[in-house]
Amino acid sequence: MQYLSLSRRLVDQFPPEAFTPQLMAQETARVRELYAAGTLRQLWKRGDMPGASILWEAASEAEVRAAIASLPIFQAGMLEIVALVPLEPYPGFGPVS
Protein backbone atom coordinates (compact mmCIF):
# COMPACT_ATOMS: atom_id res chain seq x y z
CA MET A 1 0.00 0.00 0.00
CA GLN A 2 1.15 3.54 -0.60
CA TYR A 3 1.09 6.45 1.83
CA LEU A 4 1.79 10.14 1.41
CA SER A 5 3.41 12.11 4.20
CA LEU A 6 3.68 15.87 4.45
CA SER A 7 6.21 17.19 6.94
CA ARG A 8 7.65 20.50 8.02
CA ARG A 9 10.89 21.36 9.69
CA LEU A 10 10.39 23.12 13.00
CA VAL A 11 12.41 26.19 12.01
CA ASP A 12 10.40 28.33 14.44
CA GLN A 13 11.86 26.27 17.31
CA PHE A 14 15.32 25.50 15.90
CA PRO A 15 17.68 28.04 14.31
CA PRO A 16 19.21 27.29 10.90
CA GLU A 17 22.55 26.34 12.48
CA ALA A 18 20.80 23.47 14.33
CA PHE A 19 20.44 21.75 10.94
CA THR A 20 24.16 20.98 10.88
CA PRO A 21 25.98 19.49 7.88
CA GLN A 22 26.50 16.32 9.95
CA LEU A 23 22.77 16.01 10.71
CA MET A 24 21.89 16.65 7.08
CA ALA A 25 24.42 14.03 5.91
CA GLN A 26 22.87 11.50 8.32
CA GLU A 27 19.41 12.37 7.01
CA THR A 28 20.53 11.96 3.40
CA ALA A 29 22.14 8.60 4.17
CA ARG A 30 18.99 7.31 5.87
CA VAL A 31 16.76 8.52 3.04
CA ARG A 32 19.00 6.69 0.55
CA GLU A 33 18.72 3.50 2.64
CA LEU A 34 14.92 3.75 2.72
CA TYR A 35 14.87 4.40 -1.04
CA ALA A 36 17.14 1.42 -1.76
CA ALA A 37 14.87 -0.77 0.39
CA GLY A 38 11.82 0.32 -1.63
CA THR A 39 10.10 1.87 1.38
CA LEU A 40 10.57 5.47 0.28
CA ARG A 41 9.38 5.72 -3.33
CA GLN A 42 9.52 9.44 -4.14
CA LEU A 43 10.57 12.56 -2.28
CA TRP A 44 9.94 16.24 -2.91
CA LYS A 45 11.08 19.33 -1.06
CA ARG A 46 8.14 21.53 -0.14
CA GLY A 47 7.99 24.77 -2.09
CA ASP A 48 6.01 26.69 0.53
CA MET A 49 8.15 26.03 3.62
CA PRO A 50 11.03 23.83 4.79
CA GLY A 51 9.86 20.26 4.78
CA ALA A 52 9.07 17.39 2.46
CA SER A 53 6.38 15.35 0.83
CA ILE A 54 7.20 11.65 0.63
CA LEU A 55 5.50 8.77 -1.14
CA TRP A 56 5.96 5.59 0.91
CA GLU A 57 5.40 1.92 0.08
CA ALA A 58 4.59 -0.23 3.11
CA ALA A 59 2.26 -2.95 4.33
CA SER A 60 0.88 -0.73 7.10
CA GLU A 61 0.81 2.77 8.50
CA ALA A 62 2.85 1.47 11.43
CA GLU A 63 5.67 0.57 9.01
CA VAL A 64 5.61 4.09 7.57
CA ARG A 65 5.64 5.64 11.03
CA ALA A 66 8.62 3.44 11.94
CA ALA A 67 10.46 4.59 8.81
CA ILE A 68 9.72 8.23 9.62
CA ALA A 69 10.87 7.65 13.20
CA SER A 70 14.20 6.41 11.82
CA LEU A 71 14.94 9.76 10.15
CA PRO A 72 17.64 11.67 12.07
CA ILE A 73 15.84 15.03 11.83
CA PHE A 74 12.68 13.43 13.25
CA GLN A 75 14.71 11.73 16.00
CA ALA A 76 16.16 15.13 16.91
CA GLY A 77 12.63 16.49 17.38
CA MET A 78 13.12 18.96 14.54
CA LEU A 79 10.47 17.58 12.17
CA GLU A 80 6.69 17.55 12.41
CA ILE A 81 4.49 15.21 10.40
CA VAL A 82 1.60 17.38 9.25
CA ALA A 83 -0.28 14.60 7.46
CA LEU A 84 0.07 10.89 6.79
CA VAL A 85 -2.50 9.69 4.28
CA PRO A 86 -3.15 6.17 2.98
CA LEU A 87 -3.60 6.21 -0.80
CA GLU A 88 -5.98 4.12 -2.86
CA PRO A 89 -5.94 3.58 -6.61
CA TYR A 90 -8.04 6.00 -8.63
CA PRO A 91 -11.00 3.96 -9.93
CA GLY A 92 -11.29 6.00 -13.14
CA PHE A 93 -8.26 4.19 -14.58
CA GLY A 94 -9.76 0.75 -14.02
CA PRO A 95 -12.04 -1.22 -16.30
CA VAL A 96 -15.37 0.37 -17.19
CA SER A 97 -18.21 -1.58 -15.64
PDB file of N, CA and C in Angstrom:
ATOM      1  N   MET A   1       0.846  -1.168   0.000  1.00  0.00           N
ATOM      2  CA  MET A   1       0.000   0.000   0.000  1.00  0.00           C
ATOM      3  C   MET A   1       0.893   1.233   0.000  1.00  0.00           C
ATOM      4  N   GLN A   2       0.375   2.297  -0.569  1.00  0.00           N
ATOM      5  CA  GLN A   2       1.147   3.542  -0.597  1.00  0.00           C
ATOM      6  C   GLN A   2       0.553   4.566   0.368  1.00  0.00           C
ATOM      7  N   TYR A   3       1.449   5.388   0.886  1.00  0.00           N
ATOM      8  CA  TYR A   3       1.087   6.447   1.826  1.00  0.00           C
ATOM      9  C   TYR A   3       1.800   7.727   1.394  1.00  0.00           C
ATOM     10  N   LEU A   4       1.189   8.844   1.686  1.00  0.00           N
ATOM     11  CA  LEU A   4       1.790  10.140   1.409  1.00  0.00           C
ATOM     12  C   LEU A   4       1.963  10.876   2.729  1.00  0.00           C
ATOM     13  N   SER A   5       3.184  11.307   2.993  1.00  0.00           N
ATOM     14  CA  SER A   5       3.411  12.110   4.202  1.00  0.00           C
ATOM     15  C   SER A   5       3.772  13.530   3.791  1.00  0.00           C
ATOM     16  N   LEU A   6       3.353  14.457   4.605  1.00  0.00           N
ATOM     17  CA  LEU A   6       3.683  15.867   4.446  1.00  0.00           C
ATOM     18  C   LEU A   6       4.289  16.308   5.771  1.00  0.00           C
ATOM     19  N   SER A   7       5.523  16.795   5.712  1.00  0.00           N
ATOM     20  CA  SER A   7       6.208  17.194   6.944  1.00  0.00           C
ATOM     21  C   SER A   7       6.687  18.635   6.838  1.00  0.00           C
ATOM     22  N   ARG A   8       7.038  19.169   7.990  1.00  0.00           N
ATOM     23  CA  ARG A   8       7.646  20.498   8.022  1.00  0.00           C
ATOM     24  C   ARG A   8       8.742  20.499   9.063  1.00  0.00           C
ATOM     25  N   ARG A   9       9.820  21.176   8.716  1.00  0.00           N
ATOM     26  CA  ARG A   9      10.895  21.358   9.686  1.00  0.00           C
ATOM     27  C   ARG A   9      10.463  22.408  10.687  1.00  0.00           C
ATOM     28  N   LEU A  10      10.801  22.204  11.933  1.00  0.00           N
ATOM     29  CA  LEU A  10      10.395  23.121  13.001  1.00  0.00           C
ATOM     30  C   LEU A  10      11.395  24.270  13.119  1.00  0.00           C
ATOM     31  N   VAL A  11      11.458  25.078  12.061  1.00  0.00           N
ATOM     32  CA  VAL A  11      12.415  26.186  12.009  1.00  0.00           C
ATOM     33  C   VAL A  11      12.041  27.309  12.974  1.00  0.00           C
ATOM     34  N   ASP A  12      10.800  27.328  13.444  1.00  0.00           N
ATOM     35  CA  ASP A  12      10.398  28.326  14.438  1.00  0.00           C
ATOM     36  C   ASP A  12      10.954  27.978  15.820  1.00  0.00           C
ATOM     37  N   GLN A  13      11.317  26.714  16.034  1.00  0.00           N
ATOM     38  CA  GLN A  13      11.862  26.268  17.309  1.00  0.00           C
ATOM     39  C   GLN A  13      13.364  26.010  17.261  1.00  0.00           C
ATOM     40  N   PHE A  14      13.894  25.810  16.054  1.00  0.00           N
ATOM     41  CA  PHE A  14      15.316  25.499  15.899  1.00  0.00           C
ATOM     42  C   PHE A  14      15.941  26.452  14.884  1.00  0.00           C
ATOM     43  N   PRO A  15      17.026  27.108  15.247  1.00  0.00           N
ATOM     44  CA  PRO A  15      17.678  28.036  14.315  1.00  0.00           C
ATOM     45  C   PRO A  15      18.327  27.271  13.161  1.00  0.00           C
ATOM     46  N   PRO A  16      18.604  27.959  12.060  1.00  0.00           N
ATOM     47  CA  PRO A  16      19.210  27.289  10.897  1.00  0.00           C
ATOM     48  C   PRO A  16      20.483  26.517  11.232  1.00  0.00           C
ATOM     49  N   GLU A  17      21.295  27.021  12.156  1.00  0.00           N
ATOM     50  CA  GLU A  17      22.548  26.340  12.481  1.00  0.00           C
ATOM     51  C   GLU A  17      22.323  25.011  13.214  1.00  0.00           C
ATOM     52  N   ALA A  18      21.102  24.762  13.700  1.00  0.00           N
ATOM     53  CA  ALA A  18      20.798  23.474  14.328  1.00  0.00           C
ATOM     54  C   ALA A  18      20.756  22.349  13.285  1.00  0.00           C
ATOM     55  N   PHE A  19      20.472  22.715  12.040  1.00  0.00           N
ATOM     56  CA  PHE A  19      20.441  21.748  10.944  1.00  0.00           C
ATOM     57  C   PHE A  19      21.861  21.647  10.387  1.00  0.00           C
ATOM     58  N   THR A  20      22.723  21.022  11.169  1.00  0.00           N
ATOM     59  CA  THR A  20      24.156  20.976  10.875  1.00  0.00           C
ATOM     60  C   THR A  20      24.447  20.118   9.637  1.00  0.00           C
ATOM     61  N   PRO A  21      25.597  20.352   9.013  1.00  0.00           N
ATOM     62  CA  PRO A  21      25.981  19.494   7.885  1.00  0.00           C
ATOM     63  C   PRO A  21      26.018  18.008   8.273  1.00  0.00           C
ATOM     64  N   GLN A  22      26.458  17.712   9.488  1.00  0.00           N
ATOM     65  CA  GLN A  22      26.505  16.322   9.946  1.00  0.00           C
ATOM     66  C   GLN A  22      25.090  15.730  10.030  1.00  0.00           C
ATOM     67  N   LEU A  23      24.155  16.483  10.613  1.00  0.00           N
ATOM     68  CA  LEU A  23      22.775  16.012  10.714  1.00  0.00           C
ATOM     69  C   LEU A  23      22.179  15.819   9.326  1.00  0.00           C
ATOM     70  N   MET A  24      22.433  16.755   8.426  1.00  0.00           N
ATOM     71  CA  MET A  24      21.885  16.651   7.079  1.00  0.00           C
ATOM     72  C   MET A  24      22.492  15.467   6.319  1.00  0.00           C
ATOM     73  N   ALA A  25      23.775  15.191   6.544  1.00  0.00           N
ATOM     74  CA  ALA A  25      24.416  14.032   5.910  1.00  0.00           C
ATOM     75  C   ALA A  25      23.809  12.734   6.435  1.00  0.00           C
ATOM     76  N   GLN A  26      23.520  12.680   7.736  1.00  0.00           N
ATOM     77  CA  GLN A  26      22.874  11.502   8.316  1.00  0.00           C
ATOM     78  C   GLN A  26      21.476  11.317   7.735  1.00  0.00           C
ATOM     79  N   GLU A  27      20.762  12.420   7.587  1.00  0.00           N
ATOM     80  CA  GLU A  27      19.408  12.372   7.013  1.00  0.00           C
ATOM     81  C   GLU A  27      19.462  11.847   5.577  1.00  0.00           C
ATOM     82  N   THR A  28      20.384  12.382   4.792  1.00  0.00           N
ATOM     83  CA  THR A  28      20.531  11.958   3.402  1.00  0.00           C
ATOM     84  C   THR A  28      20.867  10.472   3.324  1.00  0.00           C
ATOM     85  N   ALA A  29      21.760  10.013   4.175  1.00  0.00           N
ATOM     86  CA  ALA A  29      22.143   8.598   4.174  1.00  0.00           C
ATOM     87  C   ALA A  29      20.938   7.718   4.507  1.00  0.00           C
ATOM     88  N   ARG A  30      20.152   8.120   5.485  1.00  0.00           N
ATOM     89  CA  ARG A  30      18.985   7.306   5.872  1.00  0.00           C
ATOM     90  C   ARG A  30      17.938   7.311   4.767  1.00  0.00           C
ATOM     91  N   VAL A  31      17.717   8.450   4.138  1.00  0.00           N
ATOM     92  CA  VAL A  31      16.759   8.525   3.037  1.00  0.00           C
ATOM     93  C   VAL A  31      17.199   7.598   1.905  1.00  0.00           C
ATOM     94  N   ARG A  32      18.477   7.574   1.610  1.00  0.00           N
ATOM     95  CA  ARG A  32      18.997   6.687   0.555  1.00  0.00           C
ATOM     96  C   ARG A  32      18.777   5.225   0.921  1.00  0.00           C
ATOM     97  N   GLU A  33      18.957   4.876   2.187  1.00  0.00           N
ATOM     98  CA  GLU A  33      18.719   3.499   2.635  1.00  0.00           C
ATOM     99  C   GLU A  33      17.250   3.115   2.455  1.00  0.00           C
ATOM    100  N   LEU A  34      16.359   4.013   2.846  1.00  0.00           N
ATOM    101  CA  LEU A  34      14.925   3.747   2.715  1.00  0.00           C
ATOM    102  C   LEU A  34      14.514   3.646   1.249  1.00  0.00           C
ATOM    103  N   TYR A  35      15.147   4.461   0.401  1.00  0.00           N
ATOM    104  CA  TYR A  35      14.866   4.404  -1.036  1.00  0.00           C
ATOM    105  C   TYR A  35      15.362   3.073  -1.611  1.00  0.00           C
ATOM    106  N   ALA A  36      16.568   2.682  -1.264  1.00  0.00           N
ATOM    107  CA  ALA A  36      17.137   1.424  -1.760  1.00  0.00           C
ATOM    108  C   ALA A  36      16.310   0.219  -1.308  1.00  0.00           C
ATOM    109  N   ALA A  37      15.707   0.311  -0.133  1.00  0.00           N
ATOM    110  CA  ALA A  37      14.872  -0.768   0.393  1.00  0.00           C
ATOM    111  C   ALA A  37      13.484  -0.803  -0.253  1.00  0.00           C
ATOM    112  N   GLY A  38      13.128   0.255  -0.990  1.00  0.00           N
ATOM    113  CA  GLY A  38      11.816   0.323  -1.628  1.00  0.00           C
ATOM    114  C   GLY A  38      10.727   0.874  -0.739  1.00  0.00           C
ATOM    115  N   THR A  39      11.084   1.314   0.451  1.00  0.00           N
ATOM    116  CA  THR A  39      10.100   1.872   1.380  1.00  0.00           C
ATOM    117  C   THR A  39       9.758   3.306   1.014  1.00  0.00           C
ATOM    118  N   LEU A  40      10.761   4.091   0.729  1.00  0.00           N
ATOM    119  CA  LEU A  40      10.573   5.472   0.284  1.00  0.00           C
ATOM    120  C   LEU A  40      10.603   5.443  -1.243  1.00  0.00           C
ATOM    121  N   ARG A  41       9.491   5.833  -1.879  1.00  0.00           N
ATOM    122  CA  ARG A  41       9.377   5.721  -3.327  1.00  0.00           C
ATOM    123  C   ARG A  41       9.725   7.022  -4.045  1.00  0.00           C
ATOM    124  N   GLN A  42       9.245   8.137  -3.536  1.00  0.00           N
ATOM    125  CA  GLN A  42       9.518   9.443  -4.139  1.00  0.00           C
ATOM    126  C   GLN A  42       9.577  10.478  -3.032  1.00  0.00           C
ATOM    127  N   LEU A  43      10.355  11.529  -3.291  1.00  0.00           N
ATOM    128  CA  LEU A  43      10.574  12.561  -2.278  1.00  0.00           C
ATOM    129  C   LEU A  43      10.632  13.913  -2.961  1.00  0.00           C
ATOM    130  N   TRP A  44       9.921  14.873  -2.411  1.00  0.00           N
ATOM    131  CA  TRP A  44       9.941  16.243  -2.914  1.00  0.00           C
ATOM    132  C   TRP A  44      10.189  17.195  -1.755  1.00  0.00           C
ATOM    133  N   LYS A  45      10.979  18.225  -2.006  1.00  0.00           N
ATOM    134  CA  LYS A  45      11.084  19.333  -1.056  1.00  0.00           C
ATOM    135  C   LYS A  45       9.811  20.159  -1.189  1.00  0.00           C
ATOM    136  N   ARG A  46       9.307  20.645  -0.085  1.00  0.00           N
ATOM    137  CA  ARG A  46       8.139  21.530  -0.141  1.00  0.00           C
ATOM    138  C   ARG A  46       8.553  22.879  -0.707  1.00  0.00           C
ATOM    139  N   GLY A  47       7.709  23.466  -1.515  1.00  0.00           N
ATOM    140  CA  GLY A  47       7.991  24.770  -2.086  1.00  0.00           C
ATOM    141  C   GLY A  47       7.470  25.920  -1.252  1.00  0.00           C
ATOM    142  N   ASP A  48       6.611  25.627  -0.270  1.00  0.00           N
ATOM    143  CA  ASP A  48       6.005  26.689   0.528  1.00  0.00           C
ATOM    144  C   ASP A  48       6.707  26.919   1.857  1.00  0.00           C
ATOM    145  N   MET A  49       7.450  25.936   2.340  1.00  0.00           N
ATOM    146  CA  MET A  49       8.152  26.033   3.622  1.00  0.00           C
ATOM    147  C   MET A  49       9.155  24.900   3.708  1.00  0.00           C
ATOM    148  N   PRO A  50      10.091  24.950   4.642  1.00  0.00           N
ATOM    149  CA  PRO A  50      11.026  23.827   4.792  1.00  0.00           C
ATOM    150  C   PRO A  50      10.291  22.565   5.233  1.00  0.00           C
ATOM    151  N   GLY A  51      10.508  21.527   4.499  1.00  0.00           N
ATOM    152  CA  GLY A  51       9.859  20.259   4.783  1.00  0.00           C
ATOM    153  C   GLY A  51       9.851  19.408   3.537  1.00  0.00           C
ATOM    154  N   ALA A  52       9.094  18.315   3.583  1.00  0.00           N
ATOM    155  CA  ALA A  52       9.073  17.390   2.459  1.00  0.00           C
ATOM    156  C   ALA A  52       7.711  16.736   2.310  1.00  0.00           C
ATOM    157  N   SER A  53       7.499  16.222   1.116  1.00  0.00           N
ATOM    158  CA  SER A  53       6.379  15.346   0.829  1.00  0.00           C
ATOM    159  C   SER A  53       6.990  14.044   0.336  1.00  0.00           C
ATOM    160  N   ILE A  54       6.594  12.939   0.950  1.00  0.00           N
ATOM    161  CA  ILE A  54       7.198  11.651   0.632  1.00  0.00           C
ATOM    162  C   ILE A  54       6.108  10.640   0.298  1.00  0.00           C
ATOM    163  N   LEU A  55       6.351   9.889  -0.776  1.00  0.00           N
ATOM    164  CA  LEU A  55       5.496   8.775  -1.144  1.00  0.00           C
ATOM    165  C   LEU A  55       6.156   7.508  -0.617  1.00  0.00           C
ATOM    166  N   TRP A  56       5.441   6.793   0.247  1.00  0.00           N
ATOM    167  CA  TRP A  56       5.957   5.592   0.909  1.00  0.00           C
ATOM    168  C   TRP A  56       5.266   4.356   0.363  1.00  0.00           C
ATOM    169  N   GLU A  57       5.959   3.234   0.412  1.00  0.00           N
ATOM    170  CA  GLU A  57       5.396   1.920   0.078  1.00  0.00           C
ATOM    171  C   GLU A  57       5.592   1.041   1.303  1.00  0.00           C
ATOM    172  N   ALA A  58       4.490   0.577   1.886  1.00  0.00           N
ATOM    173  CA  ALA A  58       4.586  -0.227   3.107  1.00  0.00           C
ATOM    174  C   ALA A  58       3.310  -1.040   3.279  1.00  0.00           C
ATOM    175  N   ALA A  59       3.415  -2.097   4.059  1.00  0.00           N
ATOM    176  CA  ALA A  59       2.259  -2.948   4.330  1.00  0.00           C
ATOM    177  C   ALA A  59       1.276  -2.302   5.301  1.00  0.00           C
ATOM    178  N   SER A  60       1.761  -1.347   6.102  1.00  0.00           N
ATOM    179  CA  SER A  60       0.884  -0.731   7.100  1.00  0.00           C
ATOM    180  C   SER A  60       1.356   0.675   7.436  1.00  0.00           C
ATOM    181  N   GLU A  61       0.455   1.428   8.030  1.00  0.00           N
ATOM    182  CA  GLU A  61       0.807   2.773   8.500  1.00  0.00           C
ATOM    183  C   GLU A  61       1.885   2.685   9.574  1.00  0.00           C
ATOM    184  N   ALA A  62       1.839   1.648  10.375  1.00  0.00           N
ATOM    185  CA  ALA A  62       2.852   1.471  11.425  1.00  0.00           C
ATOM    186  C   ALA A  62       4.249   1.360  10.822  1.00  0.00           C
ATOM    187  N   GLU A  63       4.374   0.674   9.687  1.00  0.00           N
ATOM    188  CA  GLU A  63       5.673   0.574   9.012  1.00  0.00           C
ATOM    189  C   GLU A  63       6.157   1.941   8.540  1.00  0.00           C
ATOM    190  N   VAL A  64       5.244   2.739   8.023  1.00  0.00           N
ATOM    191  CA  VAL A  64       5.613   4.091   7.571  1.00  0.00           C
ATOM    192  C   VAL A  64       6.041   4.933   8.766  1.00  0.00           C
ATOM    193  N   ARG A  65       5.290   4.864   9.835  1.00  0.00           N
ATOM    194  CA  ARG A  65       5.643   5.645  11.026  1.00  0.00           C
ATOM    195  C   ARG A  65       7.008   5.213  11.573  1.00  0.00           C
ATOM    196  N   ALA A  66       7.313   3.926  11.499  1.00  0.00           N
ATOM    197  CA  ALA A  66       8.622   3.440  11.942  1.00  0.00           C
ATOM    198  C   ALA A  66       9.726   3.983  11.035  1.00  0.00           C
ATOM    199  N   ALA A  67       9.473   4.040   9.743  1.00  0.00           N
ATOM    200  CA  ALA A  67      10.456   4.593   8.807  1.00  0.00           C
ATOM    201  C   ALA A  67      10.679   6.073   9.082  1.00  0.00           C
ATOM    202  N   ILE A  68       9.600   6.804   9.301  1.00  0.00           N
ATOM    203  CA  ILE A  68       9.716   8.234   9.620  1.00  0.00           C
ATOM    204  C   ILE A  68      10.489   8.409  10.926  1.00  0.00           C
ATOM    205  N   ALA A  69      10.196   7.567  11.906  1.00  0.00           N
ATOM    206  CA  ALA A  69      10.872   7.647  13.202  1.00  0.00           C
ATOM    207  C   ALA A  69      12.364   7.352  13.092  1.00  0.00           C
ATOM    208  N   SER A  70      12.781   6.711  12.007  1.00  0.00           N
ATOM    209  CA  SER A  70      14.197   6.413  11.818  1.00  0.00           C
ATOM    210  C   SER A  70      14.970   7.571  11.182  1.00  0.00           C
ATOM    211  N   LEU A  71      14.275   8.616  10.766  1.00  0.00           N
ATOM    212  CA  LEU A  71      14.942   9.760  10.148  1.00  0.00           C
ATOM    213  C   LEU A  71      15.637  10.607  11.221  1.00  0.00           C
ATOM    214  N   PRO A  72      16.903  10.912  11.059  1.00  0.00           N
ATOM    215  CA  PRO A  72      17.643  11.667  12.073  1.00  0.00           C
ATOM    216  C   PRO A  72      17.017  13.013  12.451  1.00  0.00           C
ATOM    217  N   ILE A  73      16.454  13.728  11.495  1.00  0.00           N
ATOM    218  CA  ILE A  73      15.836  15.026  11.832  1.00  0.00           C
ATOM    219  C   ILE A  73      14.598  14.812  12.693  1.00  0.00           C
ATOM    220  N   PHE A  74      13.840  13.745  12.415  1.00  0.00           N
ATOM    221  CA  PHE A  74      12.682  13.428  13.248  1.00  0.00           C
ATOM    222  C   PHE A  74      13.134  13.013  14.636  1.00  0.00           C
ATOM    223  N   GLN A  75      14.178  12.180  14.710  1.00  0.00           N
ATOM    224  CA  GLN A  75      14.705  11.730  15.996  1.00  0.00           C
ATOM    225  C   GLN A  75      15.184  12.901  16.844  1.00  0.00           C
ATOM    226  N   ALA A  76      15.687  13.948  16.189  1.00  0.00           N
ATOM    227  CA  ALA A  76      16.163  15.132  16.911  1.00  0.00           C
ATOM    228  C   ALA A  76      15.018  16.042  17.354  1.00  0.00           C
ATOM    229  N   GLY A  77      13.779  15.679  17.003  1.00  0.00           N
ATOM    230  CA  GLY A  77      12.625  16.491  17.382  1.00  0.00           C
ATOM    231  C   GLY A  77      12.476  17.748  16.547  1.00  0.00           C
ATOM    232  N   MET A  78      13.094  17.759  15.377  1.00  0.00           N
ATOM    233  CA  MET A  78      13.122  18.960  14.540  1.00  0.00           C
ATOM    234  C   MET A  78      12.190  18.869  13.337  1.00  0.00           C
ATOM    235  N   LEU A  79      11.347  17.829  13.301  1.00  0.00           N
ATOM    236  CA  LEU A  79      10.469  17.583  12.166  1.00  0.00           C
ATOM    237  C   LEU A  79       9.082  17.229  12.670  1.00  0.00           C
ATOM    238  N   GLU A  80       8.082  17.842  12.077  1.00  0.00           N
ATOM    239  CA  GLU A  80       6.689  17.549  12.411  1.00  0.00           C
ATOM    240  C   GLU A  80       6.020  16.895  11.205  1.00  0.00           C
ATOM    241  N   ILE A  81       5.282  15.827  11.453  1.00  0.00           N
ATOM    242  CA  ILE A  81       4.487  15.206  10.401  1.00  0.00           C
ATOM    243  C   ILE A  81       3.126  15.891  10.415  1.00  0.00           C
ATOM    244  N   VAL A  82       2.848  16.623   9.359  1.00  0.00           N
ATOM    245  CA  VAL A  82       1.598  17.383   9.252  1.00  0.00           C
ATOM    246  C   VAL A  82       0.453  16.471   8.838  1.00  0.00           C
ATOM    247  N   ALA A  83       0.751  15.522   7.930  1.00  0.00           N
ATOM    248  CA  ALA A  83      -0.277  14.599   7.457  1.00  0.00           C
ATOM    249  C   ALA A  83       0.377  13.287   7.034  1.00  0.00           C
ATOM    250  N   LEU A  84      -0.322  12.199   7.283  1.00  0.00           N
ATOM    251  CA  LEU A  84       0.072  10.887   6.794  1.00  0.00           C
ATOM    252  C   LEU A  84      -1.202  10.239   6.267  1.00  0.00           C
ATOM    253  N   VAL A  85      -1.268  10.079   4.946  1.00  0.00           N
ATOM    254  CA  VAL A  85      -2.505   9.690   4.283  1.00  0.00           C
ATOM    255  C   VAL A  85      -2.330   8.373   3.531  1.00  0.00           C
ATOM    256  N   PRO A  86      -3.183   7.373   3.801  1.00  0.00           N
ATOM    257  CA  PRO A  86      -3.154   6.167   2.983  1.00  0.00           C
ATOM    258  C   PRO A  86      -3.753   6.489   1.613  1.00  0.00           C
ATOM    259  N   LEU A  87      -3.137   5.945   0.562  1.00  0.00           N
ATOM    260  CA  LEU A  87      -3.600   6.213  -0.797  1.00  0.00           C
ATOM    261  C   LEU A  87      -4.255   4.970  -1.383  1.00  0.00           C
ATOM    262  N   GLU A  88      -5.292   5.196  -2.166  1.00  0.00           N
ATOM    263  CA  GLU A  88      -5.981   4.115  -2.860  1.00  0.00           C
ATOM    264  C   GLU A  88      -5.933   4.401  -4.356  1.00  0.00           C
ATOM    265  N   PRO A  89      -5.957   3.359  -5.166  1.00  0.00           N
ATOM    266  CA  PRO A  89      -5.936   3.585  -6.612  1.00  0.00           C
ATOM    267  C   PRO A  89      -7.154   4.399  -7.060  1.00  0.00           C
ATOM    268  N   TYR A  90      -6.946   5.220  -8.051  1.00  0.00           N
ATOM    269  CA  TYR A  90      -8.041   6.003  -8.629  1.00  0.00           C
ATOM    270  C   TYR A  90      -8.887   5.084  -9.494  1.00  0.00           C
ATOM    271  N   PRO A  91     -10.189   4.937  -9.209  1.00  0.00           N
ATOM    272  CA  PRO A  91     -10.999   3.956  -9.932  1.00  0.00           C
ATOM    273  C   PRO A  91     -11.249   4.332 -11.391  1.00  0.00           C
ATOM    274  N   GLY A  92     -11.051   5.576 -11.767  1.00  0.00           N
ATOM    275  CA  GLY A  92     -11.290   5.998 -13.137  1.00  0.00           C
ATOM    276  C   GLY A  92     -10.340   5.385 -14.140  1.00  0.00           C
ATOM    277  N   PHE A  93      -9.220   4.825 -13.667  1.00  0.00           N
ATOM    278  CA  PHE A  93      -8.264   4.195 -14.581  1.00  0.00           C
ATOM    279  C   PHE A  93      -8.502   2.695 -14.708  1.00  0.00           C
ATOM    280  N   GLY A  94      -9.461   2.172 -13.956  1.00  0.00           N
ATOM    281  CA  GLY A  94      -9.765   0.745 -14.023  1.00  0.00           C
ATOM    282  C   GLY A  94     -10.723   0.434 -15.150  1.00  0.00           C
ATOM    283  N   PRO A  95     -11.106  -0.821 -15.260  1.00  0.00           N
ATOM    284  CA  PRO A  95     -12.036  -1.224 -16.303  1.00  0.00           C
ATOM    285  C   PRO A  95     -13.404  -0.543 -16.116  1.00  0.00           C
ATOM    286  N   VAL A  96     -14.030  -0.223 -17.232  1.00  0.00           N
ATOM    287  CA  VAL A  96     -15.367   0.370 -17.189  1.00  0.00           C
ATOM    288  C   VAL A  96     -16.348  -0.743 -16.929  1.00  0.00           C
ATOM    289  N   SER A  97     -17.231  -0.525 -15.931  1.00  0.00           N
ATOM    290  CA  SER A  97     -18.208  -1.581 -15.637  1.00  0.00           C
ATOM    291  C   SER A  97     -19.579  -1.229 -16.146  1.00  0.00           C
TER     292      SER A  97
END
